[in-house]
Amino acid sequence: VHTFRGPHWCEYCANFMWGLIAQGVRCSDCGLNVHKQCS
């Protein structure tokens, strides 16, 4: 689970990640950022 600073889009579905904190997840090995559902 990751908190993104500034607006972020999901790299899987290309939709916006809503919310101020913990908007999505990031892969700590490759850096991919996606919605929790998309993961």
PDB file of all heavy atoms in Angstrom:
ATOM      1  N   VAL A   1       0.849  -1.198   0.000  1.00  0.00           N
ATOM      2  CA  VAL A   1       0.000   0.000   0.000  1.00  0.00           C
ATOM      3  C   VAL A   1       0.882   1.246   0.000  1.00  0.00           C
ATOM      4  O   VAL A   1       1.902   1.293   0.698  1.00  0.00           O
ATOM      5  CB  VAL A   1      -0.940   0.003   1.233  1.00  0.00           C
ATOM      6  CG1 VAL A   1      -1.731   1.308   1.304  1.00  0.00           C
ATOM      7  CG2 VAL A   1      -1.891  -1.182   1.159  1.00  0.00           C
ATOM      8  N   HIS A   2       0.522   2.221  -0.822  1.00  0.00           N
ATOM      9  CA  HIS A   2       1.393   3.383  -1.000  1.00  0.00           C
ATOM     10  C   HIS A   2       0.570   4.677  -0.995  1.00  0.00           C
ATOM     11  O   HIS A   2      -0.558   4.708  -1.494  1.00  0.00           O
ATOM     12  CB  HIS A   2       2.144   3.256  -2.332  1.00  0.00           C
ATOM     13  CG  HIS A   2       3.246   4.259  -2.500  1.00  0.00           C
ATOM     14  ND1 HIS A   2       4.466   4.112  -1.886  1.00  0.00           N
ATOM     15  CD2 HIS A   2       3.292   5.417  -3.204  1.00  0.00           C
ATOM     16  CE1 HIS A   2       5.234   5.148  -2.213  1.00  0.00           C
ATOM     17  NE2 HIS A   2       4.548   5.957  -3.012  1.00  0.00           N
ATOM     18  N   THR A   3       1.155   5.717  -0.419  1.00  0.00           N
ATOM     19  CA  THR A   3       0.530   7.047  -0.481  1.00  0.00           C
ATOM     20  C   THR A   3       1.270   7.875  -1.529  1.00  0.00           C
ATOM     21  O   THR A   3       2.478   8.073  -1.423  1.00  0.00           O
ATOM     22  CB  THR A   3       0.599   7.739   0.892  1.00  0.00           C
ATOM     23  OG1 THR A   3      -0.211   6.984   1.809  1.00  0.00           O
ATOM     24  CG2 THR A   3       0.067   9.163   0.814  1.00  0.00           C
ATOM     25  N   PHE A   4       0.546   8.286  -2.564  1.00  0.00           N
ATOM     26  CA  PHE A   4       1.165   9.041  -3.659  1.00  0.00           C
ATOM     27  C   PHE A   4       1.005  10.537  -3.413  1.00  0.00           C
ATOM     28  O   PHE A   4      -0.049  10.987  -2.978  1.00  0.00           O
ATOM     29  CB  PHE A   4       0.500   8.670  -4.989  1.00  0.00           C
ATOM     30  CG  PHE A   4       0.661   7.228  -5.351  1.00  0.00           C
ATOM     31  CD1 PHE A   4      -0.340   6.312  -5.054  1.00  0.00           C
ATOM     32  CD2 PHE A   4       1.819   6.775  -5.966  1.00  0.00           C
ATOM     33  CE1 PHE A   4      -0.190   4.963  -5.380  1.00  0.00           C
ATOM     34  CE2 PHE A   4       1.976   5.435  -6.294  1.00  0.00           C
ATOM     35  CZ  PHE A   4       0.976   4.528  -5.998  1.00  0.00           C
ATOM     36  N   ARG A   5       2.050  11.293  -3.682  1.00  0.00           N
ATOM     37  CA  ARG A   5       1.958  12.748  -3.583  1.00  0.00           C
ATOM     38  C   ARG A   5       1.543  13.278  -4.955  1.00  0.00           C
ATOM     39  O   ARG A   5       2.142  12.919  -5.954  1.00  0.00           O
ATOM     40  CB  ARG A   5       3.324  13.347  -3.203  1.00  0.00           C
ATOM     41  CG  ARG A   5       3.761  12.936  -1.821  1.00  0.00           C
ATOM     42  CD  ARG A   5       5.168  13.436  -1.515  1.00  0.00           C
ATOM     43  NE  ARG A   5       5.625  12.882  -0.254  1.00  0.00           N
ATOM     44  CZ  ARG A   5       5.242  13.316   0.935  1.00  0.00           C
ATOM     45  NH1 ARG A   5       4.379  14.320   1.028  1.00  0.00           N
ATOM     46  NH2 ARG A   5       5.704  12.757   2.039  1.00  0.00           N
ATOM     47  N   GLY A   6       0.538  14.129  -4.972  1.00  0.00           N
ATOM     48  CA  GLY A   6       0.078  14.669  -6.251  1.00  0.00           C
ATOM     49  C   GLY A   6      -0.791  13.657  -6.979  1.00  0.00           C
ATOM     50  O   GLY A   6      -0.904  12.511  -6.569  1.00  0.00           O
ATOM     51  N   PRO A   7      -1.408  14.077  -8.090  1.00  0.00           N
ATOM     52  CA  PRO A   7      -2.329  13.193  -8.812  1.00  0.00           C
ATOM     53  C   PRO A   7      -1.602  11.982  -9.411  1.00  0.00           C
ATOM     54  O   PRO A   7      -0.464  12.099  -9.865  1.00  0.00           O
ATOM     55  CB  PRO A   7      -2.921  14.084  -9.905  1.00  0.00           C
ATOM     56  CG  PRO A   7      -1.990  15.240 -10.018  1.00  0.00           C
ATOM     57  CD  PRO A   7      -1.284  15.401  -8.708  1.00  0.00           C
ATOM     58  N   HIS A   8      -2.264  10.825  -9.353  1.00  0.00           N
ATOM     59  CA  HIS A   8      -1.651   9.611  -9.884  1.00  0.00           C
ATOM     60  C   HIS A   8      -2.668   8.770 -10.642  1.00  0.00           C
ATOM     61  O   HIS A   8      -3.821   8.691 -10.241  1.00  0.00           O
ATOM     62  CB  HIS A   8      -1.038   8.786  -8.747  1.00  0.00           C
ATOM     63  CG  HIS A   8       0.446   8.653  -8.898  1.00  0.00           C
ATOM     64  ND1 HIS A   8       1.329   9.598  -8.423  1.00  0.00           N
ATOM     65  CD2 HIS A   8       1.203   7.706  -9.500  1.00  0.00           C
ATOM     66  CE1 HIS A   8       2.570   9.228  -8.718  1.00  0.00           C
ATOM     67  NE2 HIS A   8       2.524   8.094  -9.368  1.00  0.00           N
ATOM     68  N   TRP A   9      -2.221   8.178 -11.722  1.00  0.00           N
ATOM     69  CA  TRP A   9      -3.087   7.311 -12.513  1.00  0.00           C
ATOM     70  C   TRP A   9      -2.607   5.875 -12.405  1.00  0.00           C
ATOM     71  O   TRP A   9      -1.408   5.617 -12.296  1.00  0.00           O
ATOM     72  CB  TRP A   9      -3.082   7.765 -13.980  1.00  0.00           C
ATOM     73  CG  TRP A   9      -3.929   8.991 -14.163  1.00  0.00           C
ATOM     74  CD1 TRP A   9      -5.230   9.021 -14.591  1.00  0.00           C
ATOM     75  CD2 TRP A   9      -3.549  10.345 -13.907  1.00  0.00           C
ATOM     76  NE1 TRP A   9      -5.688  10.321 -14.610  1.00  0.00           N
ATOM     77  CE2 TRP A   9      -4.686  11.165 -14.195  1.00  0.00           C
ATOM     78  CE3 TRP A   9      -2.388  10.974 -13.452  1.00  0.00           C
ATOM     79  CZ2 TRP A   9      -4.696  12.543 -14.057  1.00  0.00           C
ATOM     80  CZ3 TRP A   9      -2.388  12.356 -13.301  1.00  0.00           C
ATOM     81  CH2 TRP A   9      -3.524  13.124 -13.604  1.00  0.00           C
ATOM     82  N   CYS A  10      -3.556   4.942 -12.439  1.00  0.00           N
ATOM     83  CA  CYS A  10      -3.232   3.516 -12.340  1.00  0.00           C
ATOM     84  C   CYS A  10      -2.574   3.057 -13.642  1.00  0.00           C
ATOM     85  O   CYS A  10      -3.100   3.321 -14.733  1.00  0.00           O
ATOM     86  CB  CYS A  10      -4.506   2.722 -12.083  1.00  0.00           C
ATOM     87  SG  CYS A  10      -4.296   0.937 -12.241  1.00  0.00           S
ATOM     88  N   GLU A  11      -1.435   2.364 -13.527  1.00  0.00           N
ATOM     89  CA  GLU A  11      -0.714   1.916 -14.728  1.00  0.00           C
ATOM     90  C   GLU A  11      -1.323   0.651 -15.332  1.00  0.00           C
ATOM     91  O   GLU A  11      -0.835   0.135 -16.329  1.00  0.00           O
ATOM     92  CB  GLU A  11       0.772   1.691 -14.387  1.00  0.00           C
ATOM     93  CG  GLU A  11       1.496   2.987 -14.036  1.00  0.00           C
ATOM     94  CD  GLU A  11       2.909   2.742 -13.531  1.00  0.00           C
ATOM     95  OE1 GLU A  11       3.638   1.939 -14.175  1.00  0.00           O
ATOM     96  OE2 GLU A  11       3.283   3.329 -12.496  1.00  0.00           O
ATOM     97  N   TYR A  12      -2.380   0.139 -14.701  1.00  0.00           N
ATOM     98  CA  TYR A  12      -3.036  -1.044 -15.267  1.00  0.00           C
ATOM     99  C   TYR A  12      -4.298  -0.645 -16.034  1.00  0.00           C
ATOM    100  O   TYR A  12      -4.458  -0.992 -17.199  1.00  0.00           O
ATOM    101  CB  TYR A  12      -3.383  -2.044 -14.163  1.00  0.00           C
ATOM    102  CG  TYR A  12      -4.015  -3.316 -14.690  1.00  0.00           C
ATOM    103  CD1 TYR A  12      -3.255  -4.276 -15.347  1.00  0.00           C
ATOM    104  CD2 TYR A  12      -5.383  -3.554 -14.540  1.00  0.00           C
ATOM    105  CE1 TYR A  12      -3.820  -5.440 -15.840  1.00  0.00           C
ATOM    106  CE2 TYR A  12      -5.971  -4.715 -15.025  1.00  0.00           C
ATOM    107  CZ  TYR A  12      -5.184  -5.651 -15.675  1.00  0.00           C
ATOM    108  OH  TYR A  12      -5.755  -6.798 -16.169  1.00  0.00           O
ATOM    109  N   CYS A  13      -5.183   0.159 -15.371  1.00  0.00           N
ATOM    110  CA  CYS A  13      -6.448   0.511 -16.035  1.00  0.00           C
ATOM    111  C   CYS A  13      -6.449   1.946 -16.555  1.00  0.00           C
ATOM    112  O   CYS A  13      -7.393   2.377 -17.214  1.00  0.00           O
ATOM    113  CB  CYS A  13      -7.622   0.298 -15.080  1.00  0.00           C
ATOM    114  SG  CYS A  13      -7.690   1.529 -13.757  1.00  0.00           S
ATOM    115  N   ALA A  14      -5.372   2.687 -16.251  1.00  0.00           N
ATOM    116  CA  ALA A  14      -5.211   4.075 -16.710  1.00  0.00           C
ATOM    117  C   ALA A  14      -6.224   5.055 -16.116  1.00  0.00           C
ATOM    118  O   ALA A  14      -6.354   6.176 -16.573  1.00  0.00           O
ATOM    119  CB  ALA A  14      -5.234   4.149 -18.239  1.00  0.00           C
ATOM    120  N   ASN A  15      -6.951   4.617 -15.083  1.00  0.00           N
ATOM    121  CA  ASN A  15      -7.886   5.531 -14.422  1.00  0.00           C
ATOM    122  C   ASN A  15      -7.229   6.220 -13.230  1.00  0.00           C
ATOM    123  O   ASN A  15      -6.217   5.753 -12.710  1.00  0.00           O
ATOM    124  CB  ASN A  15      -9.150   4.789 -13.970  1.00  0.00           C
ATOM    125  CG  ASN A  15     -10.030   4.447 -15.165  1.00  0.00           C
ATOM    126  OD1 ASN A  15     -10.259   5.287 -16.029  1.00  0.00           O
ATOM    127  ND2 ASN A  15     -10.483   3.201 -15.227  1.00  0.00           N
ATOM    128  N   PHE A  16      -7.851   7.309 -12.802  1.00  0.00           N
ATOM    129  CA  PHE A  16      -7.316   8.134 -11.727  1.00  0.00           C
ATOM    130  C   PHE A  16      -7.338   7.380 -10.389  1.00  0.00           C
ATOM    131  O   PHE A  16      -8.224   6.569 -10.145  1.00  0.00           O
ATOM    132  CB  PHE A  16      -8.163   9.418 -11.633  1.00  0.00           C
ATOM    133  CG  PHE A  16      -7.622  10.429 -10.668  1.00  0.00           C
ATOM    134  CD1 PHE A  16      -6.390  11.033 -10.909  1.00  0.00           C
ATOM    135  CD2 PHE A  16      -8.329  10.775  -9.529  1.00  0.00           C
ATOM    136  CE1 PHE A  16      -5.881  11.989 -10.016  1.00  0.00           C
ATOM    137  CE2 PHE A  16      -7.837  11.727  -8.630  1.00  0.00           C
ATOM    138  CZ  PHE A  16      -6.609  12.326  -8.878  1.00  0.00           C
ATOM    139  N   MET A  17      -6.339   7.625  -9.549  1.00  0.00           N
ATOM    140  CA  MET A  17      -6.343   7.058  -8.204  1.00  0.00           C
ATOM    141  C   MET A  17      -6.879   8.115  -7.244  1.00  0.00           C
ATOM    142  O   MET A  17      -6.241   9.140  -7.038  1.00  0.00           O
ATOM    143  CB  MET A  17      -4.920   6.663  -7.793  1.00  0.00           C
ATOM    144  CG  MET A  17      -4.363   5.476  -8.550  1.00  0.00           C
ATOM    145  SD  MET A  17      -2.800   5.024  -7.799  1.00  0.00           S
ATOM    146  CE  MET A  17      -2.284   3.671  -8.813  1.00  0.00           C
ATOM    147  N   TRP A  18      -8.049   7.869  -6.677  1.00  0.00           N
ATOM    148  CA  TRP A  18      -8.714   8.836  -5.808  1.00  0.00           C
ATOM    149  C   TRP A  18      -8.195   8.757  -4.383  1.00  0.00           C
ATOM    150  O   TRP A  18      -7.662   7.743  -3.961  1.00  0.00           O
ATOM    151  CB  TRP A  18     -10.225   8.614  -5.806  1.00  0.00           C
ATOM    152  CG  TRP A  18     -10.831   8.865  -7.158  1.00  0.00           C
ATOM    153  CD1 TRP A  18     -11.098   7.948  -8.113  1.00  0.00           C
ATOM    154  CD2 TRP A  18     -11.209  10.126  -7.702  1.00  0.00           C
ATOM    155  NE1 TRP A  18     -11.617   8.534  -9.238  1.00  0.00           N
ATOM    156  CE2 TRP A  18     -11.708   9.881  -9.006  1.00  0.00           C
ATOM    157  CE3 TRP A  18     -11.187  11.453  -7.228  1.00  0.00           C
ATOM    158  CZ2 TRP A  18     -12.180  10.896  -9.842  1.00  0.00           C
ATOM    159  CZ3 TRP A  18     -11.664  12.453  -8.045  1.00  0.00           C
ATOM    160  CH2 TRP A  18     -12.153  12.173  -9.336  1.00  0.00           C
ATOM    161  N   GLY A  19      -8.411   9.836  -3.634  1.00  0.00           N
ATOM    162  CA  GLY A  19      -8.075   9.837  -2.213  1.00  0.00           C
ATOM    163  C   GLY A  19      -6.794  10.598  -1.925  1.00  0.00           C
ATOM    164  O   GLY A  19      -6.014  10.916  -2.828  1.00  0.00           O
ATOM    165  N   LEU A  20      -6.587  10.897  -0.646  1.00  0.00           N
ATOM    166  CA  LEU A  20      -5.404  11.653  -0.230  1.00  0.00           C
ATOM    167  C   LEU A  20      -4.286  10.741   0.243  1.00  0.00           C
ATOM    168  O   LEU A  20      -3.115  11.020   0.048  1.00  0.00           O
ATOM    169  CB  LEU A  20      -5.775  12.611   0.911  1.00  0.00           C
ATOM    170  CG  LEU A  20      -6.500  13.887   0.515  1.00  0.00           C
ATOM    171  CD1 LEU A  20      -6.923  14.646   1.756  1.00  0.00           C
ATOM    172  CD2 LEU A  20      -5.597  14.763  -0.357  1.00  0.00           C
ATOM    173  N   ILE A  21      -4.657   9.658   0.919  1.00  0.00           N
ATOM    174  CA  ILE A  21      -3.630   8.721   1.405  1.00  0.00           C
ATOM    175  C   ILE A  21      -3.982   7.311   0.960  1.00  0.00           C
ATOM    176  O   ILE A  21      -5.151   6.998   0.725  1.00  0.00           O
ATOM    177  CB  ILE A  21      -3.495   8.761   2.955  1.00  0.00           C
ATOM    178  CG1 ILE A  21      -4.850   8.506   3.605  1.00  0.00           C
ATOM    179  CG2 ILE A  21      -2.907  10.082   3.431  1.00  0.00           C
ATOM    180  CD1 ILE A  21      -4.743   8.173   5.082  1.00  0.00           C
ATOM    181  N   ALA A  22      -2.938   6.478   0.871  1.00  0.00           N
ATOM    182  CA  ALA A  22      -3.116   5.061   0.505  1.00  0.00           C
ATOM    183  C   ALA A  22      -4.034   4.900  -0.710  1.00  0.00           C
ATOM    184  O   ALA A  22      -4.950   4.093  -0.695  1.00  0.00           O
ATOM    185  CB  ALA A  22      -3.656   4.274   1.706  1.00  0.00           C
ATOM    186  N   GLN A  23      -3.774   5.680  -1.766  1.00  0.00           N
ATOM    187  CA  GLN A  23      -4.657   5.646  -2.940  1.00  0.00           C
ATOM    188  C   GLN A  23      -4.516   4.337  -3.725  1.00  0.00           C
ATOM    189  O   GLN A  23      -5.397   3.958  -4.482  1.00  0.00           O
ATOM    190  CB  GLN A  23      -4.342   6.808  -3.901  1.00  0.00           C
ATOM    191  CG  GLN A  23      -4.411   8.184  -3.275  1.00  0.00           C
ATOM    192  CD  GLN A  23      -3.037   8.665  -2.825  1.00  0.00           C
ATOM    193  OE1 GLN A  23      -2.221   7.864  -2.386  1.00  0.00           O
ATOM    194  NE2 GLN A  23      -2.797   9.965  -2.918  1.00  0.00           N
ATOM    195  N   GLY A  24      -3.375   3.675  -3.605  1.00  0.00           N
ATOM    196  CA  GLY A  24      -3.177   2.451  -4.378  1.00  0.00           C
ATOM    197  C   GLY A  24      -2.006   1.651  -3.834  1.00  0.00           C
ATOM    198  O   GLY A  24      -1.605   1.831  -2.687  1.00  0.00           O
ATOM    199  N   VAL A  25      -1.475   0.794  -4.670  1.00  0.00           N
ATOM    200  CA  VAL A  25      -0.327  -0.023  -4.253  1.00  0.00           C
ATOM    201  C   VAL A  25       0.831   0.165  -5.230  1.00  0.00           C
ATOM    202  O   VAL A  25       0.613   0.467  -6.410  1.00  0.00           O
ATOM    203  CB  VAL A  25      -0.695  -1.530  -4.146  1.00  0.00           C
ATOM    204  CG1 VAL A  25      -1.680  -1.777  -3.012  1.00  0.00           C
ATOM    205  CG2 VAL A  25      -1.245  -2.066  -5.461  1.00  0.00           C
ATOM    206  N   ARG A  26       2.037  -0.004  -4.717  1.00  0.00           N
ATOM    207  CA  ARG A  26       3.231   0.091  -5.556  1.00  0.00           C
ATOM    208  C   ARG A  26       4.041  -1.187  -5.375  1.00  0.00           C
ATOM    209  O   ARG A  26       4.206  -1.672  -4.259  1.00  0.00           O
ATOM    210  CB  ARG A  26       4.058   1.312  -5.142  1.00  0.00           C
ATOM    211  CG  ARG A  26       5.480   1.315  -5.723  1.00  0.00           C
ATOM    212  CD  ARG A  26       6.235   2.583  -5.384  1.00  0.00           C
ATOM    213  NE  ARG A  26       5.761   3.687  -6.222  1.00  0.00           N
ATOM    214  CZ  ARG A  26       6.188   4.948  -6.100  1.00  0.00           C
ATOM    215  NH1 ARG A  26       7.059   5.272  -5.160  1.00  0.00           N
ATOM    216  NH2 ARG A  26       5.740   5.885  -6.902  1.00  0.00           N
ATOM    217  N   CYS A  27       4.571  -1.719  -6.486  1.00  0.00           N
ATOM    218  CA  CYS A  27       5.438  -2.895  -6.383  1.00  0.00           C
ATOM    219  C   CYS A  27       6.819  -2.442  -5.906  1.00  0.00           C
ATOM    220  O   CYS A  27       7.458  -1.619  -6.566  1.00  0.00           O
ATOM    221  CB  CYS A  27       5.565  -3.598  -7.733  1.00  0.00           C
ATOM    222  SG  CYS A  27       6.794  -4.920  -7.706  1.00  0.00           S
ATOM    223  N   SER A  28       7.243  -2.963  -4.771  1.00  0.00           N
ATOM    224  CA  SER A  28       8.533  -2.487  -4.251  1.00  0.00           C
ATOM    225  C   SER A  28       9.722  -3.077  -5.012  1.00  0.00           C
ATOM    226  O   SER A  28      10.849  -2.671  -4.795  1.00  0.00           O
ATOM    227  CB  SER A  28       8.657  -2.727  -2.748  1.00  0.00           C
ATOM    228  OG  SER A  28       8.091  -3.932  -2.381  1.00  0.00           O
ATOM    229  N   ASP A  29       9.471  -4.013  -5.938  1.00  0.00           N
ATOM    230  CA  ASP A  29      10.576  -4.553  -6.734  1.00  0.00           C
ATOM    231  C   ASP A  29      10.751  -3.842  -8.079  1.00  0.00           C
ATOM    232  O   ASP A  29      11.864  -3.678  -8.553  1.00  0.00           O
ATOM    233  CB  ASP A  29      10.378  -6.054  -6.977  1.00  0.00           C
ATOM    234  CG  ASP A  29      10.473  -6.860  -5.688  1.00  0.00           C
ATOM    235  OD1 ASP A  29      11.029  -6.333  -4.706  1.00  0.00           O
ATOM    236  OD2 ASP A  29       9.981  -8.003  -5.669  1.00  0.00           O
ATOM    237  N   CYS A  30       9.616  -3.446  -8.701  1.00  0.00           N
ATOM    238  CA  CYS A  30       9.750  -2.813 -10.027  1.00  0.00           C
ATOM    239  C   CYS A  30       9.150  -1.415 -10.098  1.00  0.00           C
ATOM    240  O   CYS A  30       9.336  -0.708 -11.084  1.00  0.00           O
ATOM    241  CB  CYS A  30       9.142  -3.694 -11.117  1.00  0.00           C
ATOM    242  SG  CYS A  30       7.339  -3.713 -11.106  1.00  0.00           S
ATOM    243  N   GLY A  31       8.373  -1.016  -9.066  1.00  0.00           N
ATOM    244  CA  GLY A  31       7.840   0.342  -9.046  1.00  0.00           C
ATOM    245  C   GLY A  31       6.512   0.538  -9.755  1.00  0.00           C
ATOM    246  O   GLY A  31       6.061   1.669  -9.915  1.00  0.00           O
ATOM    247  N   LEU A  32       5.845  -0.544 -10.184  1.00  0.00           N
ATOM    248  CA  LEU A  32       4.550  -0.417 -10.853  1.00  0.00           C
ATOM    249  C   LEU A  32       3.502   0.129  -9.876  1.00  0.00           C
ATOM    250  O   LEU A  32       3.398  -0.347  -8.745  1.00  0.00           O
ATOM    251  CB  LEU A  32       4.104  -1.799 -11.368  1.00  0.00           C
ATOM    252  CG  LEU A  32       2.810  -1.838 -12.190  1.00  0.00           C
ATOM    253  CD1 LEU A  32       3.046  -1.286 -13.590  1.00  0.00           C
ATOM    254  CD2 LEU A  32       2.272  -3.259 -12.278  1.00  0.00           C
ATOM    255  N   ASN A  33       2.725   1.132 -10.310  1.00  0.00           N
ATOM    256  CA  ASN A  33       1.693   1.738  -9.461  1.00  0.00           C
ATOM    257  C   ASN A  33       0.301   1.410  -9.989  1.00  0.00           C
ATOM    258  O   ASN A  33      -0.020   1.742 -11.134  1.00  0.00           O
ATOM    259  CB  ASN A  33       1.857   3.268  -9.451  1.00  0.00           C
ATOM    260  CG  ASN A  33       3.245   3.672  -8.990  1.00  0.00           C
ATOM    261  OD1 ASN A  33       3.756   3.129  -8.021  1.00  0.00           O
ATOM    262  ND2 ASN A  33       3.846   4.626  -9.689  1.00  0.00           N
ATOM    263  N   VAL A  34      -0.528   0.761  -9.175  1.00  0.00           N
ATOM    264  CA  VAL A  34      -1.875   0.381  -9.621  1.00  0.00           C
ATOM    265  C   VAL A  34      -2.888   0.511  -8.472  1.00  0.00           C
ATOM    266  O   VAL A  34      -2.522   0.584  -7.303  1.00  0.00           O
ATOM    267  CB  VAL A  34      -1.927  -1.079 -10.160  1.00  0.00           C
ATOM    268  CG1 VAL A  34      -1.107  -1.236 -11.425  1.00  0.00           C
ATOM    269  CG2 VAL A  34      -1.467  -2.077  -9.102  1.00  0.00           C
ATOM    270  N   HIS A  35      -4.177   0.524  -8.856  1.00  0.00           N
ATOM    271  CA  HIS A  35      -5.247   0.443  -7.851  1.00  0.00           C
ATOM    272  C   HIS A  35      -5.113  -0.874  -7.094  1.00  0.00           C
ATOM    273  O   HIS A  35      -4.686  -1.882  -7.665  1.00  0.00           O
ATOM    274  CB  HIS A  35      -6.637   0.429  -8.537  1.00  0.00           C
ATOM    275  CG  HIS A  35      -7.060   1.743  -9.101  1.00  0.00           C
ATOM    276  ND1 HIS A  35      -7.223   1.927 -10.448  1.00  0.00           N
ATOM    277  CD2 HIS A  35      -7.365   2.927  -8.507  1.00  0.00           C
ATOM    278  CE1 HIS A  35      -7.628   3.183 -10.666  1.00  0.00           C
ATOM    279  NE2 HIS A  35      -7.701   3.811  -9.502  1.00  0.00           N
ATOM    280  N   LYS A  36      -5.576  -0.870  -5.854  1.00  0.00           N
ATOM    281  CA  LYS A  36      -5.573  -2.109  -5.068  1.00  0.00           C
ATOM    282  C   LYS A  36      -6.374  -3.197  -5.810  1.00  0.00           C
ATOM    283  O   LYS A  36      -5.947  -4.344  -5.914  1.00  0.00           O
ATOM    284  CB  LYS A  36      -6.185  -1.834  -3.701  1.00  0.00           C
ATOM    285  CG  LYS A  36      -5.777  -2.836  -2.651  1.00  0.00           C
ATOM    286  CD  LYS A  36      -6.207  -2.365  -1.263  1.00  0.00           C
ATOM    287  CE  LYS A  36      -5.580  -3.232  -0.197  1.00  0.00           C
ATOM    288  NZ  LYS A  36      -5.792  -2.677   1.150  1.00  0.00           N
ATOM    289  N   GLN A  37      -7.562  -2.809  -6.337  1.00  0.00           N
ATOM    290  CA  GLN A  37      -8.409  -3.772  -7.060  1.00  0.00           C
ATOM    291  C   GLN A  37      -7.683  -4.307  -8.301  1.00  0.00           C
ATOM    292  O   GLN A  37      -7.725  -5.497  -8.594  1.00  0.00           O
ATOM    293  CB  GLN A  37      -9.719  -3.095  -7.514  1.00  0.00           C
ATOM    294  CG  GLN A  37     -10.883  -3.255  -6.549  1.00  0.00           C
ATOM    295  CD  GLN A  37     -10.512  -2.806  -5.135  1.00  0.00           C
ATOM    296  OE1 GLN A  37     -10.038  -1.686  -4.954  1.00  0.00           O
ATOM    297  NE2 GLN A  37     -10.705  -3.667  -4.156  1.00  0.00           N
ATOM    298  N   CYS A  38      -7.015  -3.415  -9.016  1.00  0.00           N
ATOM    299  CA  CYS A  38      -6.329  -3.817 -10.256  1.00  0.00           C
ATOM    300  C   CYS A  38      -5.166  -4.773  -9.973  1.00  0.00           C
ATOM    301  O   CYS A  38      -4.814  -5.591 -10.822  1.00  0.00           O
ATOM    302  CB  CYS A  38      -5.807  -2.592 -11.001  1.00  0.00           C
ATOM    303  SG  CYS A  38      -7.124  -1.594 -11.704  1.00  0.00           S
ATOM    304  N   SER A  39      -4.571  -4.659  -8.781  1.00  0.00           N
ATOM    305  CA  SER A  39      -3.390  -5.480  -8.481  1.00  0.00           C
ATOM    306  C   SER A  39      -3.703  -6.973  -8.567  1.00  0.00           C
ATOM    307  O   SER A  39      -2.820  -7.788  -8.792  1.00  0.00           O
ATOM    308  CB  SER A  39      -2.836  -5.142  -7.095  1.00  0.00           C
ATOM    309  OG  SER A  39      -3.713  -5.587  -6.081  1.00  0.00           O
TER     310      SER A  39
END
